[in-house]
Amino acid sequence: MRHSTAAFALAACVAGCATESVSEYRAPNGVLVKTAKCASDRGKCFALAAKSCAPGGTYQVLSSESHAGGLGDDVIPGPVTWFSMSYACGPSDGALPGFPFGGPAPGMPNWQPSRVTTNCTTVGNATRCTTR
């Protein structure tokens, strides 16, 4: 019975741990900026922002992004899309965040294309090429 309880707790954590959060900082101009972070559903970010700006629930979107991350957290690229939205509580101009995707594709390393060089030499009628 103890093993099934531990397995249930682990499964619940993978499904829900660290999948939603709100952090905040003070910008250089004194404005309190908040950031909502959520996994899989950008609608959760809207709900988090409205809740954190209670009682009115209105806010101005400052920036947004999305990227691939793991199931319980987004430390490394993985199969889950994570959404992040920075905002300031108060009147809104009605602009919606675009959540542009950044970083490597899900499950892919952050690679850079390698430079390919081909050198050819001809001796008589034979040409030999080496590609690196």
C-alpha atoms as a PDB file:
ATOM      1  CA  MET A   1       0.000   0.000   0.000  1.00  0.00           C
ATOM      2  CA  ARG A   2       2.859   2.394   0.761  1.00  0.00           C
ATOM      3  CA  HIS A   3       4.310   1.924  -2.720  1.00  0.00           C
ATOM      4  CA  SER A   4       1.021   2.770  -4.441  1.00  0.00           C
ATOM      5  CA  THR A   5       0.669   5.942  -2.333  1.00  0.00           C
ATOM      6  CA  ALA A   6       4.200   7.029  -3.267  1.00  0.00           C
ATOM      7  CA  ALA A   7       3.541   6.257  -6.935  1.00  0.00           C
ATOM      8  CA  PHE A   8       0.321   8.306  -6.802  1.00  0.00           C
ATOM      9  CA  ALA A   9       2.146  11.249  -5.179  1.00  0.00           C
ATOM     10  CA  LEU A  10       4.884  11.087  -7.832  1.00  0.00           C
ATOM     11  CA  ALA A  11       2.331  10.960 -10.646  1.00  0.00           C
ATOM     12  CA  ALA A  12       0.445  13.919  -9.159  1.00  0.00           C
ATOM     13  CA  CYS A  13       3.657  15.922  -8.898  1.00  0.00           C
ATOM     14  CA  VAL A  14       4.659  15.168 -12.502  1.00  0.00           C
ATOM     15  CA  ALA A  15       1.202  16.270 -13.609  1.00  0.00           C
ATOM     16  CA  GLY A  16       1.004  19.385 -11.474  1.00  0.00           C
ATOM     17  CA  CYS A  17       4.278  20.398  -9.820  1.00  0.00           C
ATOM     18  CA  ALA A  18       5.732  23.674 -11.045  1.00  0.00           C
ATOM     19  CA  THR A  19       3.293  23.851 -13.974  1.00  0.00           C
ATOM     20  CA  GLU A  20       1.944  27.279 -12.952  1.00  0.00           C
ATOM     21  CA  SER A  21       3.628  30.159 -11.165  1.00  0.00           C
ATOM     22  CA  VAL A  22       3.681  33.931 -10.817  1.00  0.00           C
ATOM     23  CA  SER A  23       6.845  35.846 -10.001  1.00  0.00           C
ATOM     24  CA  GLU A  24       7.342  39.579  -9.682  1.00  0.00           C
ATOM     25  CA  TYR A  25      10.027  42.240  -9.690  1.00  0.00           C
ATOM     26  CA  ARG A  26      10.222  46.013  -9.584  1.00  0.00           C
ATOM     27  CA  ALA A  27      11.223  47.588 -12.929  1.00  0.00           C
ATOM     28  CA  PRO A  28      13.709  50.498 -13.016  1.00  0.00           C
ATOM     29  CA  ASN A  29      10.794  52.945 -13.359  1.00  0.00           C
ATOM     30  CA  GLY A  30       9.192  51.615 -10.157  1.00  0.00           C
ATOM     31  CA  VAL A  31       6.418  49.628 -11.848  1.00  0.00           C
ATOM     32  CA  LEU A  32       5.714  46.210 -10.336  1.00  0.00           C
ATOM     33  CA  VAL A  33       6.110  43.691 -13.193  1.00  0.00           C
ATOM     34  CA  LYS A  34       4.711  40.185 -12.830  1.00  0.00           C
ATOM     35  CA  THR A  35       5.412  37.094 -14.892  1.00  0.00           C
ATOM     36  CA  ALA A  36       2.943  34.222 -15.240  1.00  0.00           C
ATOM     37  CA  LYS A  37       4.415  30.888 -16.306  1.00  0.00           C
ATOM     38  CA  CYS A  38       2.338  27.854 -17.217  1.00  0.00           C
ATOM     39  CA  ALA A  39       2.621  24.568 -19.085  1.00  0.00           C
ATOM     40  CA  SER A  40       0.558  23.297 -22.015  1.00  0.00           C
ATOM     41  CA  ASP A  41      -2.268  25.853 -21.856  1.00  0.00           C
ATOM     42  CA  ARG A  42      -1.741  29.576 -22.420  1.00  0.00           C
ATOM     43  CA  GLY A  43      -5.203  30.169 -20.957  1.00  0.00           C
ATOM     44  CA  LYS A  44      -3.759  29.293 -17.545  1.00  0.00           C
ATOM     45  CA  CYS A  45      -1.405  32.290 -17.880  1.00  0.00           C
ATOM     46  CA  PHE A  46      -4.384  34.595 -18.502  1.00  0.00           C
ATOM     47  CA  ALA A  47      -6.168  33.194 -15.433  1.00  0.00           C
ATOM     48  CA  LEU A  48      -3.041  33.540 -13.269  1.00  0.00           C
ATOM     49  CA  ALA A  49      -2.545  37.150 -14.387  1.00  0.00           C
ATOM     50  CA  ALA A  50      -6.157  38.119 -13.701  1.00  0.00           C
ATOM     51  CA  LYS A  51      -6.077  36.440 -10.284  1.00  0.00           C
ATOM     52  CA  SER A  52      -2.783  38.099  -9.309  1.00  0.00           C
ATOM     53  CA  CYS A  53      -4.194  41.515 -10.292  1.00  0.00           C
ATOM     54  CA  ALA A  54      -7.297  41.213  -8.091  1.00  0.00           C
ATOM     55  CA  PRO A  55      -9.634  42.820  -7.250  1.00  0.00           C
ATOM     56  CA  GLY A  56     -10.035  44.312 -10.766  1.00  0.00           C
ATOM     57  CA  GLY A  57      -8.214  41.573 -12.650  1.00  0.00           C
ATOM     58  CA  THR A  58      -7.027  43.851 -15.467  1.00  0.00           C
ATOM     59  CA  TYR A  59      -3.446  44.040 -16.676  1.00  0.00           C
ATOM     60  CA  GLN A  60      -1.220  45.330 -19.479  1.00  0.00           C
ATOM     61  CA  VAL A  61       0.756  42.651 -21.358  1.00  0.00           C
ATOM     62  CA  LEU A  62       4.418  43.686 -21.638  1.00  0.00           C
ATOM     63  CA  SER A  63       5.955  40.630 -23.328  1.00  0.00           C
ATOM     64  CA  SER A  64       5.395  36.932 -23.905  1.00  0.00           C
ATOM     65  CA  GLU A  65       7.167  33.829 -25.162  1.00  0.00           C
ATOM     66  CA  SER A  66       6.848  30.054 -25.366  1.00  0.00           C
ATOM     67  CA  HIS A  67       9.413  27.273 -25.460  1.00  0.00           C
ATOM     68  CA  ALA A  68       9.794  23.504 -25.139  1.00  0.00           C
ATOM     69  CA  GLY A  69      10.320  22.075 -21.668  1.00  0.00           C
ATOM     70  CA  GLY A  70       9.953  18.999 -19.519  1.00  0.00           C
ATOM     71  CA  LEU A  71       6.842  17.606 -17.882  1.00  0.00           C
ATOM     72  CA  GLY A  72       7.359  19.011 -14.382  1.00  0.00           C
ATOM     73  CA  ASP A  73       9.668  21.922 -15.180  1.00  0.00           C
ATOM     74  CA  ASP A  74      11.294  23.552 -18.184  1.00  0.00           C
ATOM     75  CA  VAL A  75      14.957  23.107 -17.267  1.00  0.00           C
ATOM     76  CA  ILE A  76      15.785  21.274 -20.513  1.00  0.00           C
ATOM     77  CA  PRO A  77      13.906  21.054 -23.841  1.00  0.00           C
ATOM     78  CA  GLY A  78      11.169  18.448 -23.744  1.00  0.00           C
ATOM     79  CA  PRO A  79       7.700  17.477 -24.956  1.00  0.00           C
ATOM     80  CA  VAL A  80       5.692  20.204 -23.183  1.00  0.00           C
ATOM     81  CA  THR A  81       5.156  23.755 -24.441  1.00  0.00           C
ATOM     82  CA  TRP A  82       5.699  26.318 -21.682  1.00  0.00           C
ATOM     83  CA  PHE A  83       4.146  29.790 -21.889  1.00  0.00           C
ATOM     84  CA  SER A  84       5.433  32.902 -20.132  1.00  0.00           C
ATOM     85  CA  MET A  85       3.821  36.343 -20.035  1.00  0.00           C
ATOM     86  CA  SER A  86       5.119  39.513 -18.329  1.00  0.00           C
ATOM     87  CA  TYR A  87       2.495  42.088 -17.378  1.00  0.00           C
ATOM     88  CA  ALA A  88       1.697  45.045 -15.124  1.00  0.00           C
ATOM     89  CA  CYS A  89      -1.564  45.227 -13.193  1.00  0.00           C
ATOM     90  CA  GLY A  90      -3.884  48.072 -14.154  1.00  0.00           C
ATOM     91  CA  PRO A  91      -5.713  49.289 -17.254  1.00  0.00           C
ATOM     92  CA  SER A  92      -5.158  47.248 -20.420  1.00  0.00           C
ATOM     93  CA  ASP A  93      -4.801  48.387 -24.025  1.00  0.00           C
ATOM     94  CA  GLY A  94      -6.444  45.109 -25.063  1.00  0.00           C
ATOM     95  CA  ALA A  95      -3.362  43.768 -26.862  1.00  0.00           C
ATOM     96  CA  LEU A  96      -3.059  40.000 -26.595  1.00  0.00           C
ATOM     97  CA  PRO A  97       0.290  38.251 -26.167  1.00  0.00           C
ATOM     98  CA  GLY A  98       1.639  36.431 -29.213  1.00  0.00           C
ATOM     99  CA  PHE A  99       3.651  33.816 -27.270  1.00  0.00           C
ATOM    100  CA  PRO A 100       6.321  33.508 -30.014  1.00  0.00           C
ATOM    101  CA  PHE A 101       8.170  30.196 -29.833  1.00  0.00           C
ATOM    102  CA  GLY A 102      11.864  30.390 -28.955  1.00  0.00           C
ATOM    103  CA  GLY A 103      14.649  27.939 -28.306  1.00  0.00           C
ATOM    104  CA  PRO A 104      15.214  24.484 -29.755  1.00  0.00           C
ATOM    105  CA  ALA A 105      12.348  22.296 -30.921  1.00  0.00           C
ATOM    106  CA  PRO A 106      10.865  19.874 -28.370  1.00  0.00           C
ATOM    107  CA  GLY A 107      13.320  17.103 -27.555  1.00  0.00           C
ATOM    108  CA  MET A 108      16.046  18.547 -29.785  1.00  0.00           C
ATOM    109  CA  PRO A 109      19.419  19.818 -28.586  1.00  0.00           C
ATOM    110  CA  ASN A 110      20.238  23.460 -29.169  1.00  0.00           C
ATOM    111  CA  TRP A 111      22.491  22.839 -32.171  1.00  0.00           C
ATOM    112  CA  GLN A 112      24.125  25.198 -34.607  1.00  0.00           C
ATOM    113  CA  PRO A 113      24.678  24.247 -38.248  1.00  0.00           C
ATOM    114  CA  SER A 114      28.260  23.220 -38.868  1.00  0.00           C
ATOM    115  CA  ARG A 115      30.355  24.845 -41.536  1.00  0.00           C
ATOM    116  CA  VAL A 116      31.082  22.507 -44.448  1.00  0.00           C
ATOM    117  CA  THR A 117      34.195  22.954 -46.573  1.00  0.00           C
ATOM    118  CA  THR A 118      34.999  21.033 -49.740  1.00  0.00           C
ATOM    119  CA  ASN A 119      38.516  21.034 -51.201  1.00  0.00           C
ATOM    120  CA  CYS A 120      39.222  19.483 -54.604  1.00  0.00           C
ATOM    121  CA  THR A 121      42.533  18.691 -56.291  1.00  0.00           C
ATOM    122  CA  THR A 122      42.999  17.557 -59.850  1.00  0.00           C
ATOM    123  CA  VAL A 123      45.910  15.430 -60.995  1.00  0.00           C
ATOM    124  CA  GLY A 124      45.778  14.518 -64.672  1.00  0.00           C
ATOM    125  CA  ASN A 125      42.269  13.327 -65.473  1.00  0.00           C
ATOM    126  CA  ALA A 126      41.378  12.496 -61.837  1.00  0.00           C
ATOM    127  CA  THR A 127      39.757  14.899 -59.404  1.00  0.00           C
ATOM    128  CA  ARG A 128      39.684  14.115 -55.704  1.00  0.00           C
ATOM    129  CA  CYS A 129      37.427  16.099 -53.326  1.00  0.00           C
ATOM    130  CA  THR A 130      37.398  16.080 -49.550  1.00  0.00           C
ATOM    131  CA  THR A 131      34.456  17.487 -47.600  1.00  0.00           C
ATOM    132  CA  ARG A 132      34.776  18.401 -43.918  1.00  0.00           C
END
